[in-house]
Amino acid sequence: IDLDLIGTSYALDAFGPVMARGGAGLVVSSQA
């Protein structure tokens, strides 16, 4: 929960504001 859920959410929060215009992000999740 801490790593795969909350840690991933922190990464989304942190990178959104620093992305270049037209940039792209990808979270590798799982069929789960």
PDB file of all heavy atoms in Angstrom:
ATOM      1  N   ILE A   1       0.840  -1.199   0.000  1.00  0.00           N
ATOM      2  CA  ILE A   1       0.000   0.000   0.000  1.00  0.00           C
ATOM      3  C   ILE A   1       0.875   1.249   0.000  1.00  0.00           C
ATOM      4  O   ILE A   1       0.651   2.202  -0.766  1.00  0.00           O
ATOM      5  CB  ILE A   1      -0.955   0.012   1.211  1.00  0.00           C
ATOM      6  CG1 ILE A   1      -1.972  -1.128   1.119  1.00  0.00           C
ATOM      7  CG2 ILE A   1      -1.650   1.364   1.333  1.00  0.00           C
ATOM      8  CD1 ILE A   1      -2.930  -1.031  -0.044  1.00  0.00           C
ATOM      9  N   ASP A   2       1.903   1.252   0.833  1.00  0.00           N
ATOM     10  CA  ASP A   2       2.761   2.433   0.943  1.00  0.00           C
ATOM     11  C   ASP A   2       3.549   2.693  -0.337  1.00  0.00           C
ATOM     12  O   ASP A   2       3.697   3.844  -0.760  1.00  0.00           O
ATOM     13  CB  ASP A   2       3.724   2.278   2.117  1.00  0.00           C
ATOM     14  CG  ASP A   2       3.048   2.422   3.464  1.00  0.00           C
ATOM     15  OD1 ASP A   2       1.926   2.947   3.509  1.00  0.00           O
ATOM     16  OD2 ASP A   2       3.640   2.000   4.478  1.00  0.00           O
ATOM     17  N   LEU A   3       4.086   1.644  -0.952  1.00  0.00           N
ATOM     18  CA  LEU A   3       4.937   1.822  -2.129  1.00  0.00           C
ATOM     19  C   LEU A   3       4.134   1.911  -3.418  1.00  0.00           C
ATOM     20  O   LEU A   3       4.256   2.879  -4.176  1.00  0.00           O
ATOM     21  CB  LEU A   3       5.947   0.672  -2.211  1.00  0.00           C
ATOM     22  CG  LEU A   3       6.889   0.697  -3.414  1.00  0.00           C
ATOM     23  CD1 LEU A   3       7.708   1.981  -3.432  1.00  0.00           C
ATOM     24  CD2 LEU A   3       7.805  -0.528  -3.400  1.00  0.00           C
ATOM     25  N   ASP A   4       3.317   0.899  -3.684  1.00  0.00           N
ATOM     26  CA  ASP A   4       2.641   0.813  -4.974  1.00  0.00           C
ATOM     27  C   ASP A   4       1.499   1.808  -5.112  1.00  0.00           C
ATOM     28  O   ASP A   4       1.193   2.245  -6.236  1.00  0.00           O
ATOM     29  CB  ASP A   4       2.098  -0.603  -5.197  1.00  0.00           C
ATOM     30  CG  ASP A   4       3.200  -1.625  -5.380  1.00  0.00           C
ATOM     31  OD1 ASP A   4       4.026  -1.768  -4.449  1.00  0.00           O
ATOM     32  OD2 ASP A   4       3.259  -2.280  -6.430  1.00  0.00           O
ATOM     33  N   LEU A   5       0.882   2.169  -4.000  1.00  0.00           N
ATOM     34  CA  LEU A   5      -0.249   3.100  -4.052  1.00  0.00           C
ATOM     35  C   LEU A   5       0.189   4.511  -3.653  1.00  0.00           C
ATOM     36  O   LEU A   5       0.175   5.424  -4.480  1.00  0.00           O
ATOM     37  CB  LEU A   5      -1.370   2.592  -3.141  1.00  0.00           C
ATOM     38  CG  LEU A   5      -2.776   3.194  -3.338  1.00  0.00           C
ATOM     39  CD1 LEU A   5      -3.821   2.378  -2.589  1.00  0.00           C
ATOM     40  CD2 LEU A   5      -2.879   4.652  -2.933  1.00  0.00           C
ATOM     41  N   ILE A   6       0.622   4.687  -2.416  1.00  0.00           N
ATOM     42  CA  ILE A   6       0.932   6.030  -1.940  1.00  0.00           C
ATOM     43  C   ILE A   6       2.201   6.567  -2.583  1.00  0.00           C
ATOM     44  O   ILE A   6       2.255   7.736  -3.001  1.00  0.00           O
ATOM     45  CB  ILE A   6       1.030   6.035  -0.403  1.00  0.00           C
ATOM     46  CG1 ILE A   6      -0.325   5.626   0.203  1.00  0.00           C
ATOM     47  CG2 ILE A   6       1.463   7.408   0.105  1.00  0.00           C
ATOM     48  CD1 ILE A   6      -0.309   5.410   1.697  1.00  0.00           C
ATOM     49  N   GLY A   7       3.226   5.744  -2.711  1.00  0.00           N
ATOM     50  CA  GLY A   7       4.451   6.190  -3.357  1.00  0.00           C
ATOM     51  C   GLY A   7       4.219   6.604  -4.797  1.00  0.00           C
ATOM     52  O   GLY A   7       4.760   7.616  -5.276  1.00  0.00           O
ATOM     53  N   THR A   8       3.404   5.832  -5.508  1.00  0.00           N
ATOM     54  CA  THR A   8       3.078   6.191  -6.890  1.00  0.00           C
ATOM     55  C   THR A   8       2.314   7.505  -6.942  1.00  0.00           C
ATOM     56  O   THR A   8       2.539   8.339  -7.833  1.00  0.00           O
ATOM     57  CB  THR A   8       2.261   5.073  -7.546  1.00  0.00           C
ATOM     58  OG1 THR A   8       3.047   3.879  -7.580  1.00  0.00           O
ATOM     59  CG2 THR A   8       1.855   5.442  -8.961  1.00  0.00           C
ATOM     60  N   SER A   9       1.424   7.719  -5.987  1.00  0.00           N
ATOM     61  CA  SER A   9       0.673   8.963  -5.951  1.00  0.00           C
ATOM     62  C   SER A   9       1.590  10.159  -5.700  1.00  0.00           C
ATOM     63  O   SER A   9       1.415  11.228  -6.311  1.00  0.00           O
ATOM     64  CB  SER A   9      -0.418   8.893  -4.888  1.00  0.00           C
ATOM     65  OG  SER A   9      -1.252  10.032  -4.942  1.00  0.00           O
ATOM     66  N   TYR A  10       2.570   9.996  -4.829  1.00  0.00           N
ATOM     67  CA  TYR A  10       3.544  11.071  -4.619  1.00  0.00           C
ATOM     68  C   TYR A  10       4.287  11.386  -5.920  1.00  0.00           C
ATOM     69  O   TYR A  10       4.548  12.550  -6.240  1.00  0.00           O
ATOM     70  CB  TYR A  10       4.546  10.692  -3.535  1.00  0.00           C
ATOM     71  CG  TYR A  10       4.042  10.900  -2.130  1.00  0.00           C
ATOM     72  CD1 TYR A  10       4.235   9.925  -1.149  1.00  0.00           C
ATOM     73  CD2 TYR A  10       3.394  12.079  -1.760  1.00  0.00           C
ATOM     74  CE1 TYR A  10       3.781  10.112   0.152  1.00  0.00           C
ATOM     75  CE2 TYR A  10       2.934  12.264  -0.463  1.00  0.00           C
ATOM     76  CZ  TYR A  10       3.136  11.281   0.480  1.00  0.00           C
ATOM     77  OH  TYR A  10       2.681  11.477   1.769  1.00  0.00           O
ATOM     78  N   ALA A  11       4.637  10.352  -6.668  1.00  0.00           N
ATOM     79  CA  ALA A  11       5.344  10.571  -7.931  1.00  0.00           C
ATOM     80  C   ALA A  11       4.481  11.340  -8.923  1.00  0.00           C
ATOM     81  O   ALA A  11       4.965  12.249  -9.623  1.00  0.00           O
ATOM     82  CB  ALA A  11       5.784   9.234  -8.519  1.00  0.00           C
ATOM     83  N   LEU A  12       3.205  11.006  -8.998  1.00  0.00           N
ATOM     84  CA  LEU A  12       2.297  11.748  -9.868  1.00  0.00           C
ATOM     85  C   LEU A  12       2.190  13.215  -9.434  1.00  0.00           C
ATOM     86  O   LEU A  12       2.205  14.129 -10.267  1.00  0.00           O
ATOM     87  CB  LEU A  12       0.907  11.109  -9.850  1.00  0.00           C
ATOM     88  CG  LEU A  12       0.774   9.754 -10.532  1.00  0.00           C
ATOM     89  CD1 LEU A  12      -0.571   9.118 -10.180  1.00  0.00           C
ATOM     90  CD2 LEU A  12       0.915   9.885 -12.049  1.00  0.00           C
ATOM     91  N   ASP A  13       2.098  13.439  -8.129  1.00  0.00           N
ATOM     92  CA  ASP A  13       2.023  14.802  -7.602  1.00  0.00           C
ATOM     93  C   ASP A  13       3.295  15.582  -7.919  1.00  0.00           C
ATOM     94  O   ASP A  13       3.242  16.773  -8.269  1.00  0.00           O
ATOM     95  CB  ASP A  13       1.820  14.779  -6.089  1.00  0.00           C
ATOM     96  CG  ASP A  13       0.484  14.203  -5.652  1.00  0.00           C
ATOM     97  OD1 ASP A  13      -0.420  14.071  -6.508  1.00  0.00           O
ATOM     98  OD2 ASP A  13       0.354  13.875  -4.457  1.00  0.00           O
ATOM     99  N   ALA A  14       4.441  14.918  -7.770  1.00  0.00           N
ATOM    100  CA  ALA A  14       5.721  15.602  -7.925  1.00  0.00           C
ATOM    101  C   ALA A  14       6.036  15.935  -9.373  1.00  0.00           C
ATOM    102  O   ALA A  14       6.577  17.018  -9.669  1.00  0.00           O
ATOM    103  CB  ALA A  14       6.842  14.740  -7.339  1.00  0.00           C
ATOM    104  N   PHE A  15       5.688  15.044 -10.283  1.00  0.00           N
ATOM    105  CA  PHE A  15       6.097  15.237 -11.676  1.00  0.00           C
ATOM    106  C   PHE A  15       5.121  16.078 -12.487  1.00  0.00           C
ATOM    107  O   PHE A  15       5.533  16.711 -13.467  1.00  0.00           O
ATOM    108  CB  PHE A  15       6.353  13.892 -12.351  1.00  0.00           C
ATOM    109  CG  PHE A  15       7.773  13.434 -12.202  1.00  0.00           C
ATOM    110  CD1 PHE A  15       8.160  12.692 -11.103  1.00  0.00           C
ATOM    111  CD2 PHE A  15       8.728  13.764 -13.144  1.00  0.00           C
ATOM    112  CE1 PHE A  15       9.473  12.294 -10.931  1.00  0.00           C
ATOM    113  CE2 PHE A  15      10.049  13.376 -12.991  1.00  0.00           C
ATOM    114  CZ  PHE A  15      10.427  12.631 -11.885  1.00  0.00           C
ATOM    115  N   GLY A  16       3.844  16.104 -12.123  1.00  0.00           N
ATOM    116  CA  GLY A  16       2.899  16.899 -12.892  1.00  0.00           C
ATOM    117  C   GLY A  16       3.371  18.328 -13.136  1.00  0.00           C
ATOM    118  O   GLY A  16       3.420  18.803 -14.283  1.00  0.00           O
ATOM    119  N   PRO A  17       3.769  19.057 -12.086  1.00  0.00           N
ATOM    120  CA  PRO A  17       4.159  20.459 -12.278  1.00  0.00           C
ATOM    121  C   PRO A  17       5.468  20.671 -13.031  1.00  0.00           C
ATOM    122  O   PRO A  17       5.718  21.780 -13.520  1.00  0.00           O
ATOM    123  CB  PRO A  17       4.291  20.976 -10.835  1.00  0.00           C
ATOM    124  CG  PRO A  17       3.470  20.049 -10.007  1.00  0.00           C
ATOM    125  CD  PRO A  17       3.639  18.713 -10.657  1.00  0.00           C
ATOM    126  N   VAL A  18       6.338  19.645 -13.121  1.00  0.00           N
ATOM    127  CA  VAL A  18       7.639  19.843 -13.767  1.00  0.00           C
ATOM    128  C   VAL A  18       7.673  19.329 -15.195  1.00  0.00           C
ATOM    129  O   VAL A  18       8.682  19.491 -15.887  1.00  0.00           O
ATOM    130  CB  VAL A  18       8.787  19.182 -12.962  1.00  0.00           C
ATOM    131  CG1 VAL A  18       8.781  19.672 -11.520  1.00  0.00           C
ATOM    132  CG2 VAL A  18       8.730  17.662 -13.015  1.00  0.00           C
ATOM    133  N   MET A  19       6.580  18.729 -15.661  1.00  0.00           N
ATOM    134  CA  MET A  19       6.580  18.186 -17.013  1.00  0.00           C
ATOM    135  C   MET A  19       6.595  19.295 -18.051  1.00  0.00           C
ATOM    136  O   MET A  19       5.973  20.350 -17.873  1.00  0.00           O
ATOM    137  CB  MET A  19       5.355  17.306 -17.240  1.00  0.00           C
ATOM    138  CG  MET A  19       5.320  16.038 -16.401  1.00  0.00           C
ATOM    139  SD  MET A  19       6.708  14.911 -16.708  1.00  0.00           S
ATOM    140  CE  MET A  19       6.414  14.454 -18.418  1.00  0.00           C
ATOM    141  N   ALA A  20       7.304  19.063 -19.142  1.00  0.00           N
ATOM    142  CA  ALA A  20       7.305  19.999 -20.259  1.00  0.00           C
ATOM    143  C   ALA A  20       5.950  19.973 -20.965  1.00  0.00           C
ATOM    144  O   ALA A  20       5.252  18.950 -20.956  1.00  0.00           O
ATOM    145  CB  ALA A  20       8.412  19.631 -21.242  1.00  0.00           C
ATOM    146  N   ARG A  21       5.594  21.072 -21.568  1.00  0.00           N
ATOM    147  CA  ARG A  21       4.365  21.122 -22.350  1.00  0.00           C
ATOM    148  C   ARG A  21       4.435  20.059 -23.451  1.00  0.00           C
ATOM    149  O   ARG A  21       5.419  19.971 -24.192  1.00  0.00           O
ATOM    150  CB  ARG A  21       4.186  22.503 -22.969  1.00  0.00           C
ATOM    151  CG  ARG A  21       2.849  22.708 -23.670  1.00  0.00           C
ATOM    152  CD  ARG A  21       2.781  24.109 -24.282  1.00  0.00           C
ATOM    153  NE  ARG A  21       1.488  24.347 -24.902  1.00  0.00           N
ATOM    154  CZ  ARG A  21       0.465  24.945 -24.313  1.00  0.00           C
ATOM    155  NH1 ARG A  21       0.585  25.363 -23.068  1.00  0.00           N
ATOM    156  NH2 ARG A  21      -0.679  25.130 -24.944  1.00  0.00           N
ATOM    157  N   GLY A  22       3.409  19.237 -23.533  1.00  0.00           N
ATOM    158  CA  GLY A  22       3.409  18.151 -24.505  1.00  0.00           C
ATOM    159  C   GLY A  22       4.122  16.899 -24.043  1.00  0.00           C
ATOM    160  O   GLY A  22       4.185  15.917 -24.779  1.00  0.00           O
ATOM    161  N   GLY A  23       4.655  16.925 -22.811  1.00  0.00           N
ATOM    162  CA  GLY A  23       5.328  15.746 -22.273  1.00  0.00           C
ATOM    163  C   GLY A  23       4.336  14.660 -21.901  1.00  0.00           C
ATOM    164  O   GLY A  23       3.116  14.860 -21.921  1.00  0.00           O
ATOM    165  N   ALA A  24       4.882  13.495 -21.545  1.00  0.00           N
ATOM    166  CA  ALA A  24       4.013  12.353 -21.255  1.00  0.00           C
ATOM    167  C   ALA A  24       4.583  11.522 -20.118  1.00  0.00           C
ATOM    168  O   ALA A  24       5.801  11.311 -20.029  1.00  0.00           O
ATOM    169  CB  ALA A  24       3.842  11.482 -22.495  1.00  0.00           C
ATOM    170  N   GLY A  25       3.695  11.047 -19.264  1.00  0.00           N
ATOM    171  CA  GLY A  25       4.061  10.167 -18.167  1.00  0.00           C
ATOM    172  C   GLY A  25       3.362   8.836 -18.288  1.00  0.00           C
ATOM    173  O   GLY A  25       2.319   8.710 -18.947  1.00  0.00           O
ATOM    174  N   LEU A  26       3.938   7.844 -17.649  1.00  0.00           N
ATOM    175  CA  LEU A  26       3.379   6.502 -17.686  1.00  0.00           C
ATOM    176  C   LEU A  26       3.650   5.796 -16.370  1.00  0.00           C
ATOM    177  O   LEU A  26       4.801   5.721 -15.922  1.00  0.00           O
ATOM    178  CB  LEU A  26       4.005   5.697 -18.830  1.00  0.00           C
ATOM    179  CG  LEU A  26       3.365   4.336 -19.125  1.00  0.00           C
ATOM    180  CD1 LEU A  26       1.988   4.511 -19.761  1.00  0.00           C
ATOM    181  CD2 LEU A  26       4.257   3.509 -20.034  1.00  0.00           C
ATOM    182  N   VAL A  27       2.593   5.290 -15.753  1.00  0.00           N
ATOM    183  CA  VAL A  27       2.726   4.440 -14.574  1.00  0.00           C
ATOM    184  C   VAL A  27       2.513   2.997 -15.012  1.00  0.00           C
ATOM    185  O   VAL A  27       1.488   2.673 -15.623  1.00  0.00           O
ATOM    186  CB  VAL A  27       1.690   4.826 -13.496  1.00  0.00           C
ATOM    187  CG1 VAL A  27       1.695   3.800 -12.364  1.00  0.00           C
ATOM    188  CG2 VAL A  27       1.984   6.222 -12.962  1.00  0.00           C
ATOM    189  N   VAL A  28       3.484   2.146 -14.718  1.00  0.00           N
ATOM    190  CA  VAL A  28       3.337   0.729 -15.036  1.00  0.00           C
ATOM    191  C   VAL A  28       2.594   0.087 -13.878  1.00  0.00           C
ATOM    192  O   VAL A  28       3.142  -0.116 -12.792  1.00  0.00           O
ATOM    193  CB  VAL A  28       4.702   0.059 -15.273  1.00  0.00           C
ATOM    194  CG1 VAL A  28       4.512  -1.429 -15.563  1.00  0.00           C
ATOM    195  CG2 VAL A  28       5.409   0.731 -16.453  1.00  0.00           C
ATOM    196  N   SER A  29       1.327  -0.197 -14.098  1.00  0.00           N
ATOM    197  CA  SER A  29       0.457  -0.795 -13.097  1.00  0.00           C
ATOM    198  C   SER A  29       0.472  -2.319 -13.286  1.00  0.00           C
ATOM    199  O   SER A  29       1.534  -2.907 -13.433  1.00  0.00           O
ATOM    200  CB  SER A  29      -0.950  -0.211 -13.209  1.00  0.00           C
ATOM    201  OG  SER A  29      -1.790  -0.681 -12.181  1.00  0.00           O
ATOM    202  N   SER A  30      -0.679  -2.954 -13.307  1.00  0.00           N
ATOM    203  CA  SER A  30      -0.741  -4.409 -13.424  1.00  0.00           C
ATOM    204  C   SER A  30      -2.151  -4.839 -13.791  1.00  0.00           C
ATOM    205  O   SER A  30      -3.130  -4.137 -13.474  1.00  0.00           O
ATOM    206  CB  SER A  30      -0.356  -5.063 -12.091  1.00  0.00           C
ATOM    207  OG  SER A  30      -0.688  -6.446 -12.076  1.00  0.00           O
ATOM    208  N   GLN A  31      -2.233  -6.006 -14.417  1.00  0.00           N
ATOM    209  CA  GLN A  31      -3.547  -6.606 -14.662  1.00  0.00           C
ATOM    210  C   GLN A  31      -4.323  -6.787 -13.361  1.00  0.00           C
ATOM    211  O   GLN A  31      -5.561  -6.851 -13.374  1.00  0.00           O
ATOM    212  CB  GLN A  31      -3.385  -7.958 -15.350  1.00  0.00           C
ATOM    213  CG  GLN A  31      -2.703  -9.016 -14.496  1.00  0.00           C
ATOM    214  CD  GLN A  31      -2.604 -10.370 -15.182  1.00  0.00           C
ATOM    215  OE1 GLN A  31      -3.012 -10.530 -16.319  1.00  0.00           O
ATOM    216  NE2 GLN A  31      -2.066 -11.340 -14.475  1.00  0.00           N
ATOM    217  N   ALA A  32      -3.631  -6.844 -12.238  1.00  0.00           N
ATOM    218  CA  ALA A  32      -4.312  -6.978 -10.942  1.00  0.00           C
ATOM    219  C   ALA A  32      -5.283  -5.838 -10.693  1.00  0.00           C
ATOM    220  O   ALA A  32      -6.273  -6.001  -9.970  1.00  0.00           O
ATOM    221  CB  ALA A  32      -3.290  -7.048  -9.806  1.00  0.00           C
TER     222      ALA A  32
END
